[in-house]
C-alpha atoms as a PDB file:
ATOM      1  CA  MET A   1       0.131   0.009   0.290  1.00  0.00           C
ATOM      2  CA  GLN A   2       1.382   2.951  -0.821  1.00  0.00           C
ATOM      3  CA  THR A   3       0.660   6.452   0.434  1.00  0.00           C
ATOM      4  CA  GLN A   4      -0.747   9.716  -1.585  1.00  0.00           C
ATOM      5  CA  PRO A   5       2.226  11.668  -2.337  1.00  0.00           C
ATOM      6  CA  MET A   6       2.780  14.608   0.100  1.00  0.00           C
ATOM      7  CA  VAL A   7       4.834  17.839  -0.339  1.00  0.00           C
ATOM      8  CA  ILE A   8       6.587  19.220   2.690  1.00  0.00           C
ATOM      9  CA  ASP A   9       8.484  22.323   2.228  1.00  0.00           C
ATOM     10  CA  GLY A  10      12.364  21.656   1.802  1.00  0.00           C
ATOM     11  CA  ILE A  11      12.205  18.437   0.507  1.00  0.00           C
ATOM     12  CA  ALA A  12      13.122  17.948  -3.206  1.00  0.00           C
ATOM     13  CA  GLY A  13       9.963  15.972  -4.451  1.00  0.00           C
ATOM     14  CA  PRO A  14       6.486  14.643  -3.239  1.00  0.00           C
ATOM     15  CA  VAL A  15       7.115  12.577  -0.505  1.00  0.00           C
ATOM     16  CA  ALA A  16       5.116   9.173  -0.637  1.00  0.00           C
ATOM     17  CA  VAL A  17       5.307   6.042   1.639  1.00  0.00           C
ATOM     18  CA  THR A  18       4.783   2.211   0.774  1.00  0.00           C
ATOM     19  CA  VAL A  19       4.099   0.288   3.619  1.00  0.00           C
ATOM     20  CA  ASN A  20       3.928  -3.656   3.365  1.00  0.00           C
ATOM     21  CA  PRO A  21       1.244  -5.004   5.377  1.00  0.00           C
ATOM     22  CA  PHE A  22       2.788  -7.986   6.585  1.00  0.00           C
ATOM     23  CA  THR A  23       6.480  -7.308   7.628  1.00  0.00           C
ATOM     24  CA  GLY A  24       5.278  -3.529   8.601  1.00  0.00           C
ATOM     25  CA  ARG A  25       8.491  -2.568   6.764  1.00  0.00           C
ATOM     26  CA  HIS A  26       8.148   1.049   5.166  1.00  0.00           C
ATOM     27  CA  THR A  27       9.723   2.411   1.898  1.00  0.00           C
ATOM     28  CA  VAL A  28       9.780   5.750   1.746  1.00  0.00           C
ATOM     29  CA  THR A  29      10.235   7.984  -1.912  1.00  0.00           C
ATOM     30  CA  VAL A  30      11.202  11.431  -2.844  1.00  0.00           C
ATOM     31  CA  GLY A  31      10.021  12.378  -6.267  1.00  0.00           C
ATOM     32  CA  GLY A  32       9.385   9.143  -6.935  1.00  0.00           C
ATOM     33  CA  HIS A  33      12.913   8.204  -6.063  1.00  0.00           C
ATOM     34  CA  PRO A  34      13.870   6.027  -2.656  1.00  0.00           C
ATOM     35  CA  ALA A  35      15.422   7.606  -0.048  1.00  0.00           C
ATOM     36  CA  ALA A  36      18.176   6.091   1.588  1.00  0.00           C
ATOM     37  CA  ALA A  37      17.397   4.159   4.848  1.00  0.00           C
ATOM     38  CA  THR A  38      19.520   5.681   7.601  1.00  0.00           C
ATOM     39  CA  GLY A  39      18.512   3.257  10.544  1.00  0.00           C
ATOM     40  CA  ARG A  40      15.228   1.097  11.103  1.00  0.00           C
ATOM     41  CA  ARG A  41      12.754   3.568  11.361  1.00  0.00           C
ATOM     42  CA  THR A  42      15.008   6.549  10.106  1.00  0.00           C
ATOM     43  CA  VAL A  43      15.398   7.511   6.168  1.00  0.00           C
ATOM     44  CA  ALA A  44      17.381  10.443   4.995  1.00  0.00           C
ATOM     45  CA  LEU A  45      15.326  12.926   2.395  1.00  0.00           C
ATOM     46  CA  PRO A  46      16.624  14.920  -0.337  1.00  0.00           C
ATOM     47  CA  THR A  47      15.849  18.576   0.301  1.00  0.00           C
ATOM     48  CA  THR A  48      15.685  21.682  -2.034  1.00  0.00           C
ATOM     49  CA  ASP A  49      19.236  22.904  -1.086  1.00  0.00           C
ATOM     50  CA  GLY A  50      21.051  19.593  -2.022  1.00  0.00           C
ATOM     51  CA  ARG A  51      21.556  18.664   1.409  1.00  0.00           C
ATOM     52  CA  THR A  52      19.369  15.818   3.254  1.00  0.00           C
ATOM     53  CA  VAL A  53      17.474  15.817   6.293  1.00  0.00           C
ATOM     54  CA  THR A  54      16.646  12.879   8.795  1.00  0.00           C
ATOM     55  CA  ALA A  55      13.174  11.974   8.804  1.00  0.00           C
ATOM     56  CA  THR A  56      11.595   9.162  11.267  1.00  0.00           C
ATOM     57  CA  VAL A  57       8.721   6.702  10.011  1.00  0.00           C
ATOM     58  CA  HIS A  58       6.103   6.146  12.639  1.00  0.00           C
ATOM     59  CA  SER A  59       3.912   3.711  12.905  1.00  0.00           C
ATOM     60  CA  GLY A  60       1.301   2.050  14.955  1.00  0.00           C
ATOM     61  CA  LEU A  61      -1.088  -0.847  15.081  1.00  0.00           C
ATOM     62  CA  VAL A  62      -4.485   0.504  14.927  1.00  0.00           C
ATOM     63  CA  ASP A  63      -3.625   3.122  12.461  1.00  0.00           C
ATOM     64  CA  PRO A  64      -3.100   2.178   9.084  1.00  0.00           C
ATOM     65  CA  TYR A  65      -1.174   5.077   8.083  1.00  0.00           C
ATOM     66  CA  PRO A  66       2.138   6.155   9.005  1.00  0.00           C
ATOM     67  CA  THR A  67       3.313   9.302  10.416  1.00  0.00           C
ATOM     68  CA  ILE A  68       6.808  11.298   8.880  1.00  0.00           C
ATOM     69  CA  GLU A  69       8.598  13.370  11.558  1.00  0.00           C
ATOM     70  CA  ILE A  70      10.778  15.821  10.513  1.00  0.00           C
ATOM     71  CA  ALA A  71      13.186  17.863  12.398  1.00  0.00           C
ATOM     72  CA  GLY A  72      10.680  17.893  15.509  1.00  0.00           C
ATOM     73  CA  VAL A  73       7.133  18.355  13.182  1.00  0.00           C
ATOM     74  CA  ARG A  74       4.548  15.186  11.999  1.00  0.00           C
ATOM     75  CA  TYR A  75       2.803  14.821   8.736  1.00  0.00           C
ATOM     76  CA  ARG A  76       0.297  12.073   8.558  1.00  0.00           C
ATOM     77  CA  THR A  77       1.141   9.926   5.247  1.00  0.00           C
ATOM     78  CA  GLY A  78      -3.003   9.301   5.196  1.00  0.00           C
ATOM     79  CA  PRO A  79      -6.414  10.090   7.025  1.00  0.00           C
ATOM     80  CA  SER A  80      -7.033   9.399  11.013  1.00  0.00           C
ATOM     81  CA  LEU A  81      -8.784   6.137  11.466  1.00  0.00           C
ATOM     82  CA  PRO A  82     -11.949   6.787  13.577  1.00  0.00           C
ATOM     83  CA  VAL A  83     -12.073   5.095  16.971  1.00  0.00           C
ATOM     84  CA  GLY A  84     -14.512   2.820  16.109  1.00  0.00           C
ATOM     85  CA  LEU A  85     -13.558   1.549  12.686  1.00  0.00           C
ATOM     86  CA  ARG A  86     -10.061   0.733  15.066  1.00  0.00           C
ATOM     87  CA  VAL A  87     -11.932  -1.142  17.603  1.00  0.00           C
ATOM     88  CA  LEU A  88     -13.604  -3.544  14.339  1.00  0.00           C
ATOM     89  CA  ALA A  89     -10.057  -3.601  12.995  1.00  0.00           C
ATOM     90  CA  LEU A  90      -8.947  -5.274  16.170  1.00  0.00           C
ATOM     91  CA  LEU A  91     -11.539  -7.503  16.619  1.00  0.00           C
ATOM     92  CA  PRO A  92     -10.525 -10.990  15.264  1.00  0.00           C
ATOM     93  CA  LEU A  93      -7.756 -10.611  18.095  1.00  0.00           C
ATOM     94  CA  VAL A  94     -11.173 -12.184  20.124  1.00  0.00           C
ATOM     95  CA  LEU A  95     -10.016 -15.293  18.601  1.00  0.00           C
ATOM     96  CA  LEU A  96      -6.519 -15.199  20.688  1.00  0.00           C
ATOM     97  CA  ILE A  97      -8.801 -16.799  23.309  1.00  0.00           C
ATOM     98  CA  GLY A  98      -8.689 -19.973  21.290  1.00  0.00           C
ATOM     99  CA  GLY A  99      -4.555 -20.494  21.679  1.00  0.00           C
ATOM    100  CA  LEU A 100      -2.348 -20.638  18.785  1.00  0.00           C
ATOM    101  CA  ILE A 101      -4.859 -21.261  16.302  1.00  0.00           C
ATOM    102  CA  GLY A 102      -6.865 -18.778  17.206  1.00  0.00           C
ATOM    103  CA  GLY A 103      -4.586 -16.119  17.434  1.00  0.00           C
ATOM    104  CA  ALA A 104      -3.014 -16.766  13.770  1.00  0.00           C
ATOM    105  CA  ILE A 105      -6.569 -16.745  12.089  1.00  0.00           C
ATOM    106  CA  GLY A 106      -7.194 -13.491  14.020  1.00  0.00           C
ATOM    107  CA  GLY A 107      -4.094 -12.114  13.637  1.00  0.00           C
ATOM    108  CA  LEU A 108      -4.472 -12.530   9.681  1.00  0.00           C
ATOM    109  CA  GLY A 109      -7.751 -11.035  10.059  1.00  0.00           C
ATOM    110  CA  VAL A 110      -6.331  -7.697  11.354  1.00  0.00           C
ATOM    111  CA  VAL A 111      -4.411  -7.320   8.614  1.00  0.00           C
ATOM    112  CA  ILE A 112      -6.718  -7.712   6.067  1.00  0.00           C
ATOM    113  CA  ASN A 113      -9.193  -5.285   8.376  1.00  0.00           C
ATOM    114  CA  LEU A 114      -6.236  -2.545   8.485  1.00  0.00           C
ATOM    115  CA  ALA A 115      -6.037  -3.515   4.322  1.00  0.00           C
ATOM    116  CA  ILE A 116      -9.252  -2.621   4.231  1.00  0.00           C
ATOM    117  CA  ALA A 117      -8.913   0.118   6.289  1.00  0.00           C
ATOM    118  CA  ARG A 118      -6.100   1.713   3.836  1.00  0.00           C
ATOM    119  CA  ARG A 119      -8.965   2.171   0.931  1.00  0.00           C
ATOM    120  CA  SER A 120     -11.033   4.971   0.955  1.00  0.00           C
ATOM    121  CA  ARG A 121     -14.740   4.328   1.198  1.00  0.00           C
ATOM    122  CA  SER A 122     -17.612   4.783   3.167  1.00  0.00           C
ATOM    123  CA  THR A 123     -17.269   4.350   7.224  1.00  0.00           C
ATOM    124  CA  ALA A 124     -20.331   2.229   6.614  1.00  0.00           C
ATOM    125  CA  LEU A 125     -19.153   0.191   4.052  1.00  0.00           C
ATOM    126  CA  THR A 126     -15.793  -0.133   5.655  1.00  0.00           C
ATOM    127  CA  SER A 127     -17.519  -1.568   8.828  1.00  0.00           C
ATOM    128  CA  LEU A 128     -19.090  -4.198   6.929  1.00  0.00           C
ATOM    129  CA  LEU A 129     -16.516  -5.030   5.302  1.00  0.00           C
ATOM    130  CA  MET A 130     -14.168  -5.617   8.719  1.00  0.00           C
ATOM    131  CA  ILE A 131     -17.392  -7.429  10.448  1.00  0.00           C
ATOM    132  CA  MET A 132     -17.439  -9.873   7.597  1.00  0.00           C
ATOM    133  CA  VAL A 133     -13.700 -10.371   8.046  1.00  0.00           C
ATOM    134  CA  PHE A 134     -14.478 -11.178  11.670  1.00  0.00           C
ATOM    135  CA  ALA A 135     -17.507 -13.626  10.730  1.00  0.00           C
ATOM    136  CA  ILE A 136     -15.456 -15.368   8.218  1.00  0.00           C
ATOM    137  CA  ALA A 137     -12.389 -15.462  10.891  1.00  0.00           C
ATOM    138  CA  VAL A 138     -14.696 -16.870  13.090  1.00  0.00           C
ATOM    139  CA  ILE A 139     -16.459 -19.663  11.350  1.00  0.00           C
ATOM    140  CA  THR A 140     -12.641 -20.647   9.824  1.00  0.00           C
ATOM    141  CA  PHE A 141     -11.597 -20.938  13.214  1.00  0.00           C
ATOM    142  CA  MET A 142     -14.994 -23.284  14.342  1.00  0.00           C
ATOM    143  CA  PHE A 143     -14.280 -25.355  11.401  1.00  0.00           C
ATOM    144  CA  VAL A 144      -9.977 -25.847  11.847  1.00  0.00           C
ATOM    145  CA  VAL A 145     -11.021 -26.586  15.496  1.00  0.00           C
ATOM    146  CA  ALA A 146     -13.668 -28.890  14.428  1.00  0.00           C
ATOM    147  CA  ALA A 147     -11.253 -30.606  12.011  1.00  0.00           C
ATOM    148  CA  ILE A 148      -8.602 -31.136  14.405  1.00  0.00           C
ATOM    149  CA  ALA A 149     -10.803 -32.548  17.080  1.00  0.00           C
ATOM    150  CA  ALA A 150     -12.467 -35.229  14.758  1.00  0.00           C
END
């Protein structure tokens, strides 16, 4: 998933962040060119005067869009997710009660829900899709447990 390019004063081009939903790794591009990684969460962004500035990429479990911090100023790379959708995105984690199998199925459900949250849809449709993912996760868990018990 790549965020919409955003223009930041002093940076040599539009900044976009690509996030791998499975590994959580970030790739930052400036004007379509990859920025040099200087650490696990830090990158060097080229400035308009030919130098570079260090930027830190922050991300959270329930926020599908990372934040870029440059010189103490944070820039959101996407819209904030409403609290209700954050709860729905994490709802499949209820399957952790089922142990390792439930946790694996629930974790996959959370990854799918966060991918759904990154798409620009209405809140109602996003909520419905997240509830469907939870229902499918529960049904899958029940089938897997029944198959193991049989």
